[in-house]
N, C-alpha and C. Protein backbone atom coordinates (compact mmCIF):
# COMPACT_ATOMS: atom_id res chain seq x y z
N UNK A 1 215.55 -9.47 126.27
CA UNK A 1 216.36 -9.43 127.56
C UNK A 1 216.16 -8.41 128.35
N UNK A 2 215.86 -8.44 129.69
CA UNK A 2 215.75 -7.59 130.72
C UNK A 2 216.91 -7.12 131.37
N UNK A 3 216.99 -5.80 131.69
CA UNK A 3 218.25 -5.17 132.36
C UNK A 3 217.82 -5.07 133.60
N UNK A 4 218.66 -5.63 134.77
CA UNK A 4 218.39 -5.41 136.04
C UNK A 4 218.21 -3.90 136.42
N UNK A 5 217.27 -3.60 137.53
CA UNK A 5 216.93 -2.11 138.01
C UNK A 5 218.24 -1.19 138.00
N UNK A 6 219.35 -1.71 138.68
CA UNK A 6 220.46 -1.07 138.89
C UNK A 6 221.14 -0.74 137.59
N UNK A 7 221.31 -1.78 136.79
CA UNK A 7 221.98 -1.38 135.38
C UNK A 7 220.86 -0.41 134.52
N UNK A 8 219.64 -0.69 134.69
CA UNK A 8 218.69 0.34 133.93
C UNK A 8 218.98 1.63 134.27
N UNK A 9 219.15 1.89 135.72
CA UNK A 9 219.26 3.14 135.96
C UNK A 9 220.64 3.79 135.51
N UNK A 10 221.61 2.95 135.47
CA UNK A 10 222.92 3.42 135.04
C UNK A 10 222.96 3.78 133.39
N UNK A 11 221.97 2.83 132.66
CA UNK A 11 221.93 3.08 131.42
C UNK A 11 221.23 4.37 130.92
N UNK A 12 220.17 4.70 131.57
CA UNK A 12 219.32 5.91 131.60
C UNK A 12 220.10 7.13 131.83
N UNK A 13 221.19 6.99 132.82
CA UNK A 13 222.04 7.97 133.23
C UNK A 13 223.42 8.00 132.91
N UNK A 14 223.44 7.39 131.76
CA UNK A 14 224.91 7.33 131.10
C UNK A 14 225.59 8.67 130.79
N UNK A 15 226.88 8.84 130.83
CA UNK A 15 227.53 10.02 130.48
C UNK A 15 227.15 10.46 129.18
N UNK A 16 227.05 11.79 128.91
CA UNK A 16 226.83 12.41 127.80
C UNK A 16 225.48 12.96 127.45
N UNK A 17 224.48 12.54 128.55
CA UNK A 17 223.10 12.88 128.38
C UNK A 17 222.96 14.30 129.27
N UNK A 18 223.91 14.95 129.53
CA UNK A 18 223.62 16.16 130.28
C UNK A 18 224.07 16.14 131.61
N UNK A 19 223.52 17.09 132.54
CA UNK A 19 223.72 17.50 133.84
C UNK A 19 222.97 16.41 134.68
N UNK A 20 223.23 15.54 135.35
CA UNK A 20 222.12 14.44 135.99
C UNK A 20 221.59 15.36 137.08
N UNK A 21 222.15 16.24 137.83
CA UNK A 21 221.54 17.15 138.82
C UNK A 21 220.45 17.92 138.26
N UNK A 22 220.74 18.72 137.29
CA UNK A 22 219.69 19.40 136.59
C UNK A 22 218.53 18.61 136.24
N UNK A 23 218.80 17.44 135.62
CA UNK A 23 217.85 16.55 135.30
C UNK A 23 216.91 16.14 136.41
N UNK A 24 217.38 15.96 137.69
CA UNK A 24 216.57 15.52 138.70
C UNK A 24 216.05 16.82 139.34
N UNK A 25 216.52 17.96 139.16
CA UNK A 25 215.81 19.10 139.76
C UNK A 25 214.70 19.34 138.91
N UNK A 26 214.75 19.37 137.55
CA UNK A 26 213.59 19.38 136.76
C UNK A 26 212.61 18.27 137.01
N UNK A 27 213.02 16.94 137.37
CA UNK A 27 212.07 15.94 137.71
C UNK A 27 211.37 16.31 138.87
N UNK A 28 212.13 17.05 139.98
CA UNK A 28 211.63 17.28 141.30
C UNK A 28 210.52 18.30 141.09
N UNK A 29 210.86 19.37 140.15
CA UNK A 29 209.78 20.42 140.03
C UNK A 29 208.38 19.85 139.55
N UNK A 30 208.26 18.74 139.04
CA UNK A 30 206.92 18.25 138.76
C UNK A 30 206.03 18.11 139.96
N UNK A 31 206.62 17.92 141.16
CA UNK A 31 205.92 17.60 142.49
C UNK A 31 206.26 18.60 143.53
N UNK A 32 207.37 19.13 143.43
CA UNK A 32 207.94 20.11 144.49
C UNK A 32 208.51 21.42 143.64
N UNK A 33 208.01 22.62 143.94
CA UNK A 33 208.54 23.84 143.15
C UNK A 33 210.25 23.89 143.28
N UNK A 34 211.03 24.03 142.15
CA UNK A 34 211.99 24.37 142.15
C UNK A 34 212.29 25.63 141.07
N UNK A 35 212.67 26.58 141.82
CA UNK A 35 212.93 28.09 141.10
C UNK A 35 214.10 28.72 141.10
N UNK A 36 214.50 29.31 140.13
CA UNK A 36 215.77 30.00 140.29
C UNK A 36 215.74 30.91 141.34
N UNK A 37 216.86 30.95 142.24
CA UNK A 37 216.91 31.97 143.24
C UNK A 37 217.66 33.08 143.03
N UNK A 38 218.41 33.13 141.79
CA UNK A 38 218.79 34.37 141.24
C UNK A 38 218.97 34.30 139.64
N UNK A 39 219.22 35.41 139.24
CA UNK A 39 219.34 35.69 137.79
C UNK A 39 220.40 34.70 137.33
N UNK A 40 220.11 33.99 136.10
CA UNK A 40 221.23 33.14 135.66
C UNK A 40 221.88 33.79 134.54
N UNK A 41 223.15 33.93 134.48
CA UNK A 41 223.88 34.53 133.37
C UNK A 41 224.92 33.43 132.83
N UNK A 42 225.29 33.53 131.43
CA UNK A 42 226.32 32.77 130.81
C UNK A 42 227.69 33.24 131.37
N UNK A 43 228.64 32.71 130.83
CA UNK A 43 230.03 33.10 131.15
C UNK A 43 230.41 34.57 130.81
N UNK A 44 229.72 34.96 129.69
CA UNK A 44 229.78 36.35 128.95
C UNK A 44 229.10 37.45 129.77
N UNK A 45 228.06 36.91 130.79
CA UNK A 45 227.39 37.96 131.26
C UNK A 45 226.09 38.29 130.93
N UNK A 46 225.54 37.48 129.80
CA UNK A 46 224.17 37.68 129.36
C UNK A 46 223.30 36.94 130.16
N UNK A 47 222.28 37.71 130.52
CA UNK A 47 221.25 36.85 131.34
C UNK A 47 220.51 35.80 130.56
N UNK A 48 220.32 34.64 131.04
CA UNK A 48 219.76 33.73 130.43
C UNK A 48 218.36 33.59 130.97
N UNK A 49 218.08 33.67 132.33
CA UNK A 49 216.83 33.33 132.79
C UNK A 49 216.75 34.30 134.06
N UNK A 50 215.43 34.86 134.36
CA UNK A 50 215.48 35.63 135.53
C UNK A 50 215.13 34.89 136.79
N UNK A 51 215.51 35.54 138.00
CA UNK A 51 215.20 34.92 139.24
C UNK A 51 213.64 34.58 139.35
N UNK A 52 213.40 33.56 139.92
CA UNK A 52 212.02 33.20 139.98
C UNK A 52 211.44 31.97 139.02
N UNK A 53 212.24 32.07 137.75
CA UNK A 53 211.78 30.92 136.87
C UNK A 53 211.83 29.59 137.40
N UNK A 54 210.65 29.07 137.06
CA UNK A 54 210.44 27.61 137.47
C UNK A 54 211.52 26.54 136.62
N UNK A 55 212.18 25.86 137.22
CA UNK A 55 213.15 24.96 136.66
C UNK A 55 212.54 23.59 136.10
N UNK A 56 211.76 23.56 134.90
CA UNK A 56 211.30 22.55 134.20
C UNK A 56 212.33 21.97 133.36
N UNK A 57 212.00 20.86 132.61
CA UNK A 57 213.05 20.14 131.70
C UNK A 57 213.43 21.31 130.71
N UNK A 58 212.47 21.86 130.05
CA UNK A 58 212.84 22.98 128.99
C UNK A 58 213.79 24.01 129.46
N UNK A 59 213.66 24.51 130.66
CA UNK A 59 214.48 25.66 131.28
C UNK A 59 215.74 25.02 131.50
N UNK A 60 215.84 23.73 132.15
CA UNK A 60 217.11 23.18 132.65
C UNK A 60 217.90 23.01 131.31
N UNK A 61 217.19 22.46 130.20
CA UNK A 61 217.83 22.16 128.89
C UNK A 61 218.44 23.28 128.17
N UNK A 62 217.55 24.62 128.28
CA UNK A 62 218.13 25.84 127.72
C UNK A 62 219.39 26.17 128.40
N UNK A 63 219.15 26.18 129.84
CA UNK A 63 220.45 26.68 130.75
C UNK A 63 221.64 25.91 130.31
N UNK A 64 221.35 24.77 130.54
CA UNK A 64 222.53 23.90 130.25
C UNK A 64 223.33 23.80 129.01
N UNK A 65 222.48 24.37 127.89
CA UNK A 65 223.23 24.39 126.66
C UNK A 65 224.18 25.54 126.56
N UNK A 66 224.31 26.33 127.72
CA UNK A 66 225.22 27.36 127.70
C UNK A 66 226.33 27.12 128.76
N UNK A 67 227.33 27.88 128.74
CA UNK A 67 228.40 27.83 129.71
C UNK A 67 227.81 28.71 130.64
N UNK A 68 227.56 28.44 131.98
CA UNK A 68 227.04 29.24 132.88
C UNK A 68 228.19 29.97 133.84
N UNK A 69 227.76 31.18 134.24
CA UNK A 69 228.70 31.87 135.06
C UNK A 69 228.92 31.13 136.51
N UNK A 70 227.90 30.72 136.97
CA UNK A 70 227.70 29.74 138.22
C UNK A 70 226.98 28.52 138.03
N UNK A 71 227.55 27.41 138.71
CA UNK A 71 226.98 26.13 138.49
C UNK A 71 225.38 26.36 138.77
N UNK A 72 224.58 25.58 138.08
CA UNK A 72 223.18 25.68 138.16
C UNK A 72 222.59 25.30 139.72
N UNK A 73 223.34 24.25 140.23
CA UNK A 73 222.78 23.95 141.55
C UNK A 73 223.02 24.97 142.57
N UNK A 74 223.76 26.01 142.27
CA UNK A 74 223.97 26.99 143.19
C UNK A 74 223.13 28.24 142.93
N UNK A 75 222.25 28.08 142.03
CA UNK A 75 221.28 29.13 141.59
C UNK A 75 219.80 28.82 141.85
N UNK A 76 219.55 27.56 142.44
CA UNK A 76 218.16 27.21 142.59
C UNK A 76 217.70 27.31 143.94
N UNK A 77 216.20 27.37 144.13
CA UNK A 77 215.85 27.28 145.46
C UNK A 77 214.79 26.20 145.29
N UNK A 78 215.03 25.06 146.20
CA UNK A 78 214.05 23.92 146.09
C UNK A 78 213.05 24.15 147.39
N UNK A 79 211.75 23.87 147.17
CA UNK A 79 210.85 23.92 148.33
C UNK A 79 210.76 22.86 149.05
N UNK A 80 210.61 23.01 150.43
CA UNK A 80 210.59 21.88 151.15
C UNK A 80 211.71 21.19 151.51
N UNK A 81 212.77 21.83 151.51
CA UNK A 81 214.22 21.32 151.85
C UNK A 81 214.20 20.77 153.22
N UNK A 82 214.90 19.49 153.23
CA UNK A 82 214.97 18.89 154.49
C UNK A 82 215.55 19.80 155.40
N UNK A 83 215.13 19.71 156.74
CA UNK A 83 216.11 20.50 157.97
C UNK A 83 216.69 19.38 158.73
N UNK A 84 217.33 20.00 159.52
CA UNK A 84 218.23 19.10 160.64
C UNK A 84 217.36 17.98 161.52
N UNK A 85 216.28 18.48 161.74
CA UNK A 85 215.40 17.39 162.48
C UNK A 85 215.03 16.32 161.57
N UNK A 86 214.56 16.60 160.47
CA UNK A 86 214.15 15.64 159.45
C UNK A 86 215.43 14.80 158.90
N UNK A 87 216.47 15.27 158.75
CA UNK A 87 217.72 14.56 158.44
C UNK A 87 218.04 13.47 159.59
N UNK A 88 217.91 14.10 160.81
CA UNK A 88 218.10 13.16 161.98
C UNK A 88 217.13 12.00 161.98
N UNK A 89 215.83 12.33 161.74
CA UNK A 89 214.85 11.43 161.73
C UNK A 89 215.13 10.29 160.53
N UNK A 90 215.52 10.85 159.46
CA UNK A 90 215.81 9.88 158.30
C UNK A 90 217.08 8.93 158.61
N UNK A 91 218.13 9.54 159.27
CA UNK A 91 219.06 8.69 159.78
C UNK A 91 218.76 7.56 160.62
N UNK A 92 217.88 7.96 161.64
CA UNK A 92 217.42 7.14 162.74
C UNK A 92 216.61 5.94 161.99
N UNK A 93 215.86 6.27 160.95
CA UNK A 93 215.03 5.25 160.05
C UNK A 93 216.10 4.33 159.45
N UNK A 94 217.05 4.85 158.70
CA UNK A 94 217.96 3.96 158.27
C UNK A 94 218.73 3.06 159.15
N UNK A 95 219.05 3.65 160.38
CA UNK A 95 219.80 2.75 161.35
C UNK A 95 218.75 1.66 161.77
N UNK A 96 217.55 1.88 161.98
CA UNK A 96 216.42 0.81 162.32
C UNK A 96 216.41 -0.13 161.18
N UNK A 97 216.59 0.28 160.08
CA UNK A 97 216.31 -0.68 158.90
C UNK A 97 217.44 -1.71 158.96
N UNK A 98 218.63 -1.56 159.38
CA UNK A 98 219.75 -2.33 159.49
C UNK A 98 219.97 -2.69 160.97
N UNK A 99 219.54 -3.77 161.49
CA UNK A 99 219.78 -4.08 162.89
C UNK A 99 221.15 -4.27 163.29
N UNK A 100 222.02 -4.75 162.66
CA UNK A 100 223.33 -4.81 162.95
C UNK A 100 224.03 -3.50 163.20
N UNK A 101 223.88 -2.88 162.20
CA UNK A 101 224.29 -1.25 162.35
C UNK A 101 223.64 -0.52 163.32
N UNK A 102 222.30 -0.65 163.73
CA UNK A 102 221.81 -0.24 164.84
C UNK A 102 222.38 -0.73 166.09
N UNK A 103 222.73 -1.92 166.40
CA UNK A 103 223.35 -2.49 167.46
C UNK A 103 224.70 -1.77 167.78
N UNK A 104 225.49 -1.61 166.72
CA UNK A 104 226.68 -1.04 166.68
C UNK A 104 226.34 0.49 167.38
N UNK A 105 225.41 1.05 166.71
CA UNK A 105 225.30 2.53 167.00
C UNK A 105 224.86 2.59 168.56
N UNK A 106 224.25 1.63 168.94
CA UNK A 106 223.98 1.67 170.43
C UNK A 106 224.96 1.38 171.27
N UNK A 107 225.59 0.12 170.91
CA UNK A 107 227.05 -0.18 171.79
C UNK A 107 228.03 0.64 172.01
N UNK A 108 228.28 1.40 170.69
CA UNK A 108 229.37 2.36 170.65
C UNK A 108 228.92 3.74 171.29
N UNK A 109 227.63 3.91 171.59
CA UNK A 109 227.05 5.17 172.22
C UNK A 109 227.28 6.43 171.28
N UNK A 110 226.80 6.22 170.04
CA UNK A 110 226.99 7.29 168.93
C UNK A 110 225.87 8.26 168.95
N UNK A 111 224.82 7.90 169.73
CA UNK A 111 223.59 8.80 169.69
C UNK A 111 223.80 10.15 169.81
N UNK A 112 224.79 10.37 171.02
CA UNK A 112 224.87 11.86 171.22
C UNK A 112 225.61 12.47 170.14
N UNK A 113 226.72 11.85 169.51
CA UNK A 113 227.37 12.42 168.40
C UNK A 113 226.37 12.49 167.36
N UNK A 114 225.60 11.62 166.92
CA UNK A 114 224.49 11.89 165.76
C UNK A 114 223.77 13.16 166.11
N UNK A 115 223.26 13.19 167.28
CA UNK A 115 222.53 14.44 167.68
C UNK A 115 223.22 15.72 167.56
N UNK A 116 224.33 15.72 167.98
CA UNK A 116 225.14 16.83 167.93
C UNK A 116 225.51 17.19 166.44
N UNK A 117 225.68 16.19 165.71
CA UNK A 117 226.14 16.55 164.21
C UNK A 117 224.86 16.86 163.39
N UNK A 118 223.88 16.31 163.46
CA UNK A 118 222.41 16.54 162.65
C UNK A 118 221.60 17.35 163.33
N UNK A 119 221.48 17.62 164.60
CA UNK A 119 220.56 18.48 165.08
C UNK A 119 221.20 19.83 165.31
N UNK A 120 222.36 19.97 166.08
CA UNK A 120 222.99 21.14 166.64
C UNK A 120 223.88 21.85 165.43
N UNK A 121 224.36 21.12 164.65
CA UNK A 121 225.30 21.59 163.56
C UNK A 121 224.65 22.41 162.52
N UNK A 122 225.33 23.39 162.11
CA UNK A 122 224.76 24.28 160.85
C UNK A 122 225.16 23.56 159.61
N UNK A 123 224.12 22.81 158.99
CA UNK A 123 224.37 22.13 157.82
C UNK A 123 224.44 23.08 156.64
N UNK A 124 225.12 23.13 155.71
CA UNK A 124 225.10 24.10 154.63
C UNK A 124 223.90 24.00 153.89
N UNK A 125 223.17 24.87 153.51
CA UNK A 125 222.01 24.83 152.71
C UNK A 125 222.00 24.00 151.51
N UNK A 126 223.11 24.14 150.73
CA UNK A 126 223.29 23.48 149.65
C UNK A 126 223.42 21.92 149.76
N UNK A 127 223.96 21.54 151.00
CA UNK A 127 224.06 20.16 151.23
C UNK A 127 222.61 19.50 151.54
N UNK A 128 221.81 20.19 152.42
CA UNK A 128 220.40 19.94 152.26
C UNK A 128 219.73 19.99 151.32
N UNK A 129 219.90 20.80 150.46
CA UNK A 129 219.25 20.89 149.02
C UNK A 129 219.62 19.42 148.38
N UNK A 130 220.83 19.27 148.26
CA UNK A 130 221.16 18.08 147.47
C UNK A 130 220.68 16.82 148.27
N UNK A 131 220.56 16.58 149.44
CA UNK A 131 220.00 15.56 150.15
C UNK A 131 218.54 15.44 149.85
N UNK A 132 217.69 16.71 149.81
CA UNK A 132 216.49 16.63 149.32
C UNK A 132 216.14 16.32 148.04
N UNK A 133 216.85 16.53 147.10
CA UNK A 133 216.81 16.26 145.67
C UNK A 133 217.06 14.56 145.77
N UNK A 134 218.16 14.20 146.47
CA UNK A 134 218.52 12.72 146.56
C UNK A 134 217.17 11.99 146.94
N UNK A 135 216.60 12.28 147.97
CA UNK A 135 215.51 11.73 148.69
C UNK A 135 214.35 11.52 147.82
N UNK A 136 214.09 12.63 147.07
CA UNK A 136 212.85 12.81 146.34
C UNK A 136 212.98 11.87 144.96
N UNK A 137 214.19 12.04 144.30
CA UNK A 137 214.43 11.64 142.94
C UNK A 137 214.97 10.16 142.90
N UNK A 138 215.95 9.75 143.87
CA UNK A 138 216.57 8.65 144.08
C UNK A 138 216.47 7.98 145.50
N UNK A 139 215.16 7.73 145.74
CA UNK A 139 215.09 7.38 147.11
C UNK A 139 215.75 5.93 147.51
N UNK A 140 215.97 5.05 146.48
CA UNK A 140 216.65 3.91 146.85
C UNK A 140 218.23 4.18 147.25
N UNK A 141 218.79 5.24 146.88
CA UNK A 141 220.19 5.65 147.18
C UNK A 141 220.25 6.58 148.47
N UNK A 142 219.12 6.97 149.06
CA UNK A 142 219.15 7.99 150.12
C UNK A 142 219.41 7.21 151.37
């Protein structure tokens, strides 16, 4: 019996298998450098990994076996993070993929709001990092 793709993804990422975001960071590190942006400490103040360590699967597993002082996603640096212009371009691509949505976008004159939100607004680096990981690791959900 074969499992549909959506269900296969859910089965592979079922609860209890660890931190999904860390898994995707380690996966992304295979093609796009992911390094620790700061020393990582456990909740007792013991340093587990120094700044600059590549976050591969082994490093992620080691770190996640401890109670960290800060969430792992707040201590990593992902190379090639999306910027505002790329996020705007990606959003325009999505709009064009769905003609009905694009027609609504045009009819309701949302373009200036979209630009103001995605080009002019300061988007928190952590949000851009999350979107970059989503785009690279789960493009079907991006």
